[in-house]
Amino acid sequence: MTIIPFAPIERVIRNAGAQRVSESAAIALTEMLESYGLEISREAIKLAEHAGRKTVKAEDIKLAKEMLDK
């Protein structure tokens, strides 16, 4: 089960230049984006907790992404 609906993912692929998008392509991208988003979120939560906060801020997300991209 996915969290992100099909339509926004289809629009992302179409905005990238595709004329048509199969359901399997949208599902594949959805799974990848959700997996990456969860990974970033988990790291961002750790950063917020380390800073003594319960609230995850944009700076936590950005730093978590940078850390994971290395």
PDB file of N, CA and C in Angstrom:
ATOM      1  N   MET A   1       0.839  -1.187   0.000  1.00  0.00           N
ATOM      2  CA  MET A   1       0.000   0.000   0.000  1.00  0.00           C
ATOM      3  C   MET A   1       0.882   1.248   0.000  1.00  0.00           C
ATOM      4  N   THR A   2       0.513   2.198  -0.805  1.00  0.00           N
ATOM      5  CA  THR A   2       1.294   3.423  -0.899  1.00  0.00           C
ATOM      6  C   THR A   2       0.592   4.565  -0.171  1.00  0.00           C
ATOM      7  N   ILE A   3       1.393   5.551   0.173  1.00  0.00           N
ATOM      8  CA  ILE A   3       0.892   6.731   0.864  1.00  0.00           C
ATOM      9  C   ILE A   3       0.542   7.824  -0.149  1.00  0.00           C
ATOM     10  N   ILE A   4       1.391   7.979  -1.156  1.00  0.00           N
ATOM     11  CA  ILE A   4       1.217   9.028  -2.163  1.00  0.00           C
ATOM     12  C   ILE A   4       0.235   8.551  -3.232  1.00  0.00           C
ATOM     13  N   PRO A   5      -0.788   9.336  -3.557  1.00  0.00           N
ATOM     14  CA  PRO A   5      -1.758   8.942  -4.587  1.00  0.00           C
ATOM     15  C   PRO A   5      -1.140   8.890  -5.988  1.00  0.00           C
ATOM     16  N   PHE A   6      -1.784   8.138  -6.868  1.00  0.00           N
ATOM     17  CA  PHE A   6      -1.318   7.938  -8.244  1.00  0.00           C
ATOM     18  C   PHE A   6      -1.246   9.239  -9.040  1.00  0.00           C
ATOM     19  N   ALA A   7      -2.284  10.064  -8.975  1.00  0.00           N
ATOM     20  CA  ALA A   7      -2.384  11.258  -9.830  1.00  0.00           C
ATOM     21  C   ALA A   7      -1.199  12.223  -9.699  1.00  0.00           C
ATOM     22  N   PRO A   8      -0.756  12.580  -8.486  1.00  0.00           N
ATOM     23  CA  PRO A   8       0.386  13.491  -8.402  1.00  0.00           C
ATOM     24  C   PRO A   8       1.678  12.899  -8.979  1.00  0.00           C
ATOM     25  N   ILE A   9       1.848  11.594  -8.818  1.00  0.00           N
ATOM     26  CA  ILE A   9       3.044  10.948  -9.368  1.00  0.00           C
ATOM     27  C   ILE A   9       2.975  10.946 -10.892  1.00  0.00           C
ATOM     28  N   GLU A  10       1.800  10.672 -11.413  1.00  0.00           N
ATOM     29  CA  GLU A  10       1.616  10.719 -12.867  1.00  0.00           C
ATOM     30  C   GLU A  10       1.942  12.118 -13.392  1.00  0.00           C
ATOM     31  N   ARG A  11       1.494  13.151 -12.684  1.00  0.00           N
ATOM     32  CA  ARG A  11       1.789  14.538 -13.103  1.00  0.00           C
ATOM     33  C   ARG A  11       3.283  14.819 -13.075  1.00  0.00           C
ATOM     34  N   VAL A  12       3.977  14.308 -12.074  1.00  0.00           N
ATOM     35  CA  VAL A  12       5.437  14.497 -11.998  1.00  0.00           C
ATOM     36  C   VAL A  12       6.096  13.909 -13.243  1.00  0.00           C
ATOM     37  N   ILE A  13       5.704  12.689 -13.597  1.00  0.00           N
ATOM     38  CA  ILE A  13       6.306  12.039 -14.772  1.00  0.00           C
ATOM     39  C   ILE A  13       5.942  12.785 -16.044  1.00  0.00           C
ATOM     40  N   ARG A  14       4.699  13.245 -16.140  1.00  0.00           N
ATOM     41  CA  ARG A  14       4.287  14.018 -17.318  1.00  0.00           C
ATOM     42  C   ARG A  14       5.027  15.360 -17.388  1.00  0.00           C
ATOM     43  N   ASN A  15       5.226  16.001 -16.243  1.00  0.00           N
ATOM     44  CA  ASN A  15       5.977  17.267 -16.216  1.00  0.00           C
ATOM     45  C   ASN A  15       7.416  17.068 -16.641  1.00  0.00           C
ATOM     46  N   ALA A  16       7.920  15.855 -16.486  1.00  0.00           N
ATOM     47  CA  ALA A  16       9.277  15.538 -16.929  1.00  0.00           C
ATOM     48  C   ALA A  16       9.337  15.315 -18.434  1.00  0.00           C
ATOM     49  N   GLY A  17       8.153  15.229 -19.083  1.00  0.00           N
ATOM     50  CA  GLY A  17       8.122  15.132 -20.532  1.00  0.00           C
ATOM     51  C   GLY A  17       7.418  13.915 -21.109  1.00  0.00           C
ATOM     52  N   ALA A  18       6.939  13.010 -20.279  1.00  0.00           N
ATOM     53  CA  ALA A  18       6.258  11.816 -20.792  1.00  0.00           C
ATOM     54  C   ALA A  18       4.881  12.181 -21.344  1.00  0.00           C
ATOM     55  N   GLN A  19       4.529  11.560 -22.461  1.00  0.00           N
ATOM     56  CA  GLN A  19       3.194  11.780 -23.027  1.00  0.00           C
ATOM     57  C   GLN A  19       2.177  10.861 -22.366  1.00  0.00           C
ATOM     58  N   ARG A  20       2.605   9.652 -22.059  1.00  0.00           N
ATOM     59  CA  ARG A  20       1.729   8.678 -21.408  1.00  0.00           C
ATOM     60  C   ARG A  20       2.501   8.025 -20.263  1.00  0.00           C
ATOM     61  N   VAL A  21       1.765   7.622 -19.242  1.00  0.00           N
ATOM     62  CA  VAL A  21       2.390   7.017 -18.057  1.00  0.00           C
ATOM     63  C   VAL A  21       1.611   5.762 -17.693  1.00  0.00           C
ATOM     64  N   SER A  22       2.303   4.639 -17.640  1.00  0.00           N
ATOM     65  CA  SER A  22       1.629   3.407 -17.233  1.00  0.00           C
ATOM     66  C   SER A  22       1.442   3.406 -15.724  1.00  0.00           C
ATOM     67  N   GLU A  23       0.450   2.666 -15.291  1.00  0.00           N
ATOM     68  CA  GLU A  23       0.200   2.559 -13.854  1.00  0.00           C
ATOM     69  C   GLU A  23       1.402   1.937 -13.146  1.00  0.00           C
ATOM     70  N   SER A  24       2.038   0.951 -13.790  1.00  0.00           N
ATOM     71  CA  SER A  24       3.190   0.295 -13.164  1.00  0.00           C
ATOM     72  C   SER A  24       4.370   1.255 -13.007  1.00  0.00           C
ATOM     73  N   ALA A  25       4.523   2.192 -13.956  1.00  0.00           N
ATOM     74  CA  ALA A  25       5.597   3.184 -13.850  1.00  0.00           C
ATOM     75  C   ALA A  25       5.333   4.127 -12.681  1.00  0.00           C
ATOM     76  N   ALA A  26       4.098   4.569 -12.547  1.00  0.00           N
ATOM     77  CA  ALA A  26       3.740   5.467 -11.444  1.00  0.00           C
ATOM     78  C   ALA A  26       3.897   4.759 -10.101  1.00  0.00           C
ATOM     79  N   ILE A  27       3.510   3.495 -10.045  1.00  0.00           N
ATOM     80  CA  ILE A  27       3.654   2.730  -8.804  1.00  0.00           C
ATOM     81  C   ILE A  27       5.129   2.558  -8.455  1.00  0.00           C
ATOM     82  N   ALA A  28       5.949   2.257  -9.445  1.00  0.00           N
ATOM     83  CA  ALA A  28       7.389   2.076  -9.204  1.00  0.00           C
ATOM     84  C   ALA A  28       8.011   3.360  -8.655  1.00  0.00           C
ATOM     85  N   LEU A  29       7.682   4.501  -9.277  1.00  0.00           N
ATOM     86  CA  LEU A  29       8.235   5.771  -8.800  1.00  0.00           C
ATOM     87  C   LEU A  29       7.709   6.093  -7.408  1.00  0.00           C
ATOM     88  N   THR A  30       6.433   5.820  -7.178  1.00  0.00           N
ATOM     89  CA  THR A  30       5.841   6.058  -5.855  1.00  0.00           C
ATOM     90  C   THR A  30       6.590   5.277  -4.784  1.00  0.00           C
ATOM     91  N   GLU A  31       6.847   3.995  -5.050  1.00  0.00           N
ATOM     92  CA  GLU A  31       7.550   3.157  -4.074  1.00  0.00           C
ATOM     93  C   GLU A  31       8.950   3.694  -3.792  1.00  0.00           C
ATOM     94  N   MET A  32       9.648   4.131  -4.843  1.00  0.00           N
ATOM     95  CA  MET A  32      10.989   4.681  -4.664  1.00  0.00           C
ATOM     96  C   MET A  32      10.970   5.976  -3.862  1.00  0.00           C
ATOM     97  N   LEU A  33      10.047   6.868  -4.206  1.00  0.00           N
ATOM     98  CA  LEU A  33       9.959   8.160  -3.511  1.00  0.00           C
ATOM     99  C   LEU A  33       9.579   7.972  -2.043  1.00  0.00           C
ATOM    100  N   GLU A  34       8.642   7.080  -1.792  1.00  0.00           N
ATOM    101  CA  GLU A  34       8.231   6.839  -0.411  1.00  0.00           C
ATOM    102  C   GLU A  34       9.361   6.223   0.398  1.00  0.00           C
ATOM    103  N   SER A  35      10.093   5.297  -0.202  1.00  0.00           N
ATOM    104  CA  SER A  35      11.216   4.669   0.494  1.00  0.00           C
ATOM    105  C   SER A  35      12.277   5.709   0.847  1.00  0.00           C
ATOM    106  N   TYR A  36      12.628   6.544  -0.123  1.00  0.00           N
ATOM    107  CA  TYR A  36      13.634   7.580   0.097  1.00  0.00           C
ATOM    108  C   TYR A  36      13.128   8.600   1.119  1.00  0.00           C
ATOM    109  N   GLY A  37      11.859   8.969   1.015  1.00  0.00           N
ATOM    110  CA  GLY A  37      11.272   9.919   1.960  1.00  0.00           C
ATOM    111  C   GLY A  37      11.270   9.389   3.391  1.00  0.00           C
ATOM    112  N   LEU A  38      10.973   8.113   3.550  1.00  0.00           N
ATOM    113  CA  LEU A  38      11.002   7.510   4.889  1.00  0.00           C
ATOM    114  C   LEU A  38      12.414   7.476   5.450  1.00  0.00           C
ATOM    115  N   GLU A  39      13.375   7.174   4.594  1.00  0.00           N
ATOM    116  CA  GLU A  39      14.777   7.141   5.018  1.00  0.00           C
ATOM    117  C   GLU A  39      15.227   8.524   5.487  1.00  0.00           C
ATOM    118  N   ILE A  40      14.911   9.545   4.706  1.00  0.00           N
ATOM    119  CA  ILE A  40      15.253  10.919   5.081  1.00  0.00           C
ATOM    120  C   ILE A  40      14.542  11.293   6.384  1.00  0.00           C
ATOM    121  N   SER A  41      13.278  10.948   6.488  1.00  0.00           N
ATOM    122  CA  SER A  41      12.492  11.288   7.680  1.00  0.00           C
ATOM    123  C   SER A  41      13.067  10.653   8.935  1.00  0.00           C
ATOM    124  N   ARG A  42      13.463   9.392   8.842  1.00  0.00           N
ATOM    125  CA  ARG A  42      14.048   8.716  10.006  1.00  0.00           C
ATOM    126  C   ARG A  42      15.317   9.424  10.482  1.00  0.00           C
ATOM    127  N   GLU A  43      16.156   9.814   9.528  1.00  0.00           N
ATOM    128  CA  GLU A  43      17.388  10.525   9.890  1.00  0.00           C
ATOM    129  C   GLU A  43      17.061  11.905  10.464  1.00  0.00           C
ATOM    130  N   ALA A  44      16.072  12.578   9.892  1.00  0.00           N
ATOM    131  CA  ALA A  44      15.680  13.898  10.378  1.00  0.00           C
ATOM    132  C   ALA A  44      15.140  13.816  11.808  1.00  0.00           C
ATOM    133  N   ILE A  45      14.408  12.772  12.113  1.00  0.00           N
ATOM    134  CA  ILE A  45      13.908  12.572  13.475  1.00  0.00           C
ATOM    135  C   ILE A  45      15.065  12.415  14.448  1.00  0.00           C
ATOM    136  N   LYS A  46      16.069  11.648  14.059  1.00  0.00           N
ATOM    137  CA  LYS A  46      17.256  11.481  14.915  1.00  0.00           C
ATOM    138  C   LYS A  46      17.942  12.829  15.162  1.00  0.00           C
ATOM    139  N   LEU A  47      18.040  13.643  14.112  1.00  0.00           N
ATOM    140  CA  LEU A  47      18.677  14.956  14.246  1.00  0.00           C
ATOM    141  C   LEU A  47      17.882  15.859  15.181  1.00  0.00           C
ATOM    142  N   ALA A  48      16.575  15.848  15.050  1.00  0.00           N
ATOM    143  CA  ALA A  48      15.724  16.672  15.918  1.00  0.00           C
ATOM    144  C   ALA A  48      15.860  16.221  17.368  1.00  0.00           C
ATOM    145  N   GLU A  49      15.834  14.901  17.583  1.00  0.00           N
ATOM    146  CA  GLU A  49      15.975  14.376  18.947  1.00  0.00           C
ATOM    147  C   GLU A  49      17.342  14.730  19.529  1.00  0.00           C
ATOM    148  N   HIS A  50      18.376  14.648  18.718  1.00  0.00           N
ATOM    149  CA  HIS A  50      19.726  15.004  19.174  1.00  0.00           C
ATOM    150  C   HIS A  50      19.795  16.473  19.592  1.00  0.00           C
ATOM    151  N   ALA A  51      19.013  17.313  18.913  1.00  0.00           N
ATOM    152  CA  ALA A  51      18.971  18.742  19.232  1.00  0.00           C
ATOM    153  C   ALA A  51      18.017  19.028  20.394  1.00  0.00           C
ATOM    154  N   GLY A  52      17.422  17.976  20.961  1.00  0.00           N
ATOM    155  CA  GLY A  52      16.520  18.156  22.095  1.00  0.00           C
ATOM    156  C   GLY A  52      15.118  18.608  21.708  1.00  0.00           C
ATOM    157  N   ARG A  53      14.740  18.349  20.458  1.00  0.00           N
ATOM    158  CA  ARG A  53      13.420  18.755  19.980  1.00  0.00           C
ATOM    159  C   ARG A  53      12.574  17.551  19.633  1.00  0.00           C
ATOM    160  N   LYS A  54      11.265  17.718  19.750  1.00  0.00           N
ATOM    161  CA  LYS A  54      10.315  16.721  19.269  1.00  0.00           C
ATOM    162  C   LYS A  54       9.844  17.070  17.865  1.00  0.00           C
ATOM    163  N   THR A  55       9.988  18.333  17.506  1.00  0.00           N
ATOM    164  CA  THR A  55       9.528  18.829  16.208  1.00  0.00           C
ATOM    165  C   THR A  55      10.640  18.707  15.173  1.00  0.00           C
ATOM    166  N   VAL A  56      10.312  18.059  14.047  1.00  0.00           N
ATOM    167  CA  VAL A  56      11.245  17.975  12.927  1.00  0.00           C
ATOM    168  C   VAL A  56      11.088  19.251  12.110  1.00  0.00           C
ATOM    169  N   LYS A  57      12.208  19.922  11.867  1.00  0.00           N
ATOM    170  CA  LYS A  57      12.204  21.173  11.106  1.00  0.00           C
ATOM    171  C   LYS A  57      12.780  20.938   9.717  1.00  0.00           C
ATOM    172  N   ALA A  58      12.557  21.923   8.849  1.00  0.00           N
ATOM    173  CA  ALA A  58      13.072  21.849   7.482  1.00  0.00           C
ATOM    174  C   ALA A  58      14.586  21.650   7.485  1.00  0.00           C
ATOM    175  N   GLU A  59      15.257  22.283   8.415  1.00  0.00           N
ATOM    176  CA  GLU A  59      16.721  22.145   8.486  1.00  0.00           C
ATOM    177  C   GLU A  59      17.125  20.704   8.773  1.00  0.00           C
ATOM    178  N   ASP A  60      16.316  19.973   9.549  1.00  0.00           N
ATOM    179  CA  ASP A  60      16.595  18.565   9.828  1.00  0.00           C
ATOM    180  C   ASP A  60      16.454  17.729   8.555  1.00  0.00           C
ATOM    181  N   ILE A  61      15.394  18.010   7.803  1.00  0.00           N
ATOM    182  CA  ILE A  61      15.160  17.290   6.549  1.00  0.00           C
ATOM    183  C   ILE A  61      16.304  17.544   5.572  1.00  0.00           C
ATOM    184  N   LYS A  62      16.689  18.809   5.429  1.00  0.00           N
ATOM    185  CA  LYS A  62      17.758  19.167   4.490  1.00  0.00           C
ATOM    186  C   LYS A  62      19.083  18.535   4.886  1.00  0.00           C
ATOM    187  N   LEU A  63      19.406  18.580   6.175  1.00  0.00           N
ATOM    188  CA  LEU A  63      20.655  17.989   6.650  1.00  0.00           C
ATOM    189  C   LEU A  63      20.623  16.472   6.496  1.00  0.00           C
ATOM    190  N   ALA A  64      19.506  15.857   6.799  1.00  0.00           N
ATOM    191  CA  ALA A  64      19.377  14.404   6.647  1.00  0.00           C
ATOM    192  C   ALA A  64      19.589  13.996   5.196  1.00  0.00           C
ATOM    193  N   LYS A  65      19.024  14.757   4.267  1.00  0.00           N
ATOM    194  CA  LYS A  65      19.209  14.469   2.841  1.00  0.00           C
ATOM    195  C   LYS A  65      20.669  14.579   2.450  1.00  0.00           C
ATOM    196  N   GLU A  66      21.312  15.640   2.917  1.00  0.00           N
ATOM    197  CA  GLU A  66      22.747  15.812   2.607  1.00  0.00           C
ATOM    198  C   GLU A  66      23.552  14.651   3.156  1.00  0.00           C
ATOM    199  N   MET A  67      23.241  14.225   4.379  1.00  0.00           N
ATOM    200  CA  MET A  67      23.967  13.129   4.995  1.00  0.00           C
ATOM    201  C   MET A  67      23.774  11.824   4.216  1.00  0.00           C
ATOM    202  N   LEU A  68      22.571  11.583   3.759  1.00  0.00           N
ATOM    203  CA  LEU A  68      22.283  10.337   3.034  1.00  0.00           C
ATOM    204  C   LEU A  68      22.841  10.356   1.617  1.00  0.00           C
ATOM    205  N   ASP A  69      22.984  11.532   1.033  1.00  0.00           N
ATOM    206  CA  ASP A  69      23.489  11.633  -0.347  1.00  0.00           C
ATOM    207  C   ASP A  69      24.999  11.447  -0.430  1.00  0.00           C
ATOM    208  N   LYS A  70      25.674  11.465   0.698  1.00  0.00           N
ATOM    209  CA  LYS A  70      27.140  11.320   0.670  1.00  0.00           C
ATOM    210  C   LYS A  70      27.549   9.887   0.454  1.00  0.00           C
TER     211      LYS A  70
END
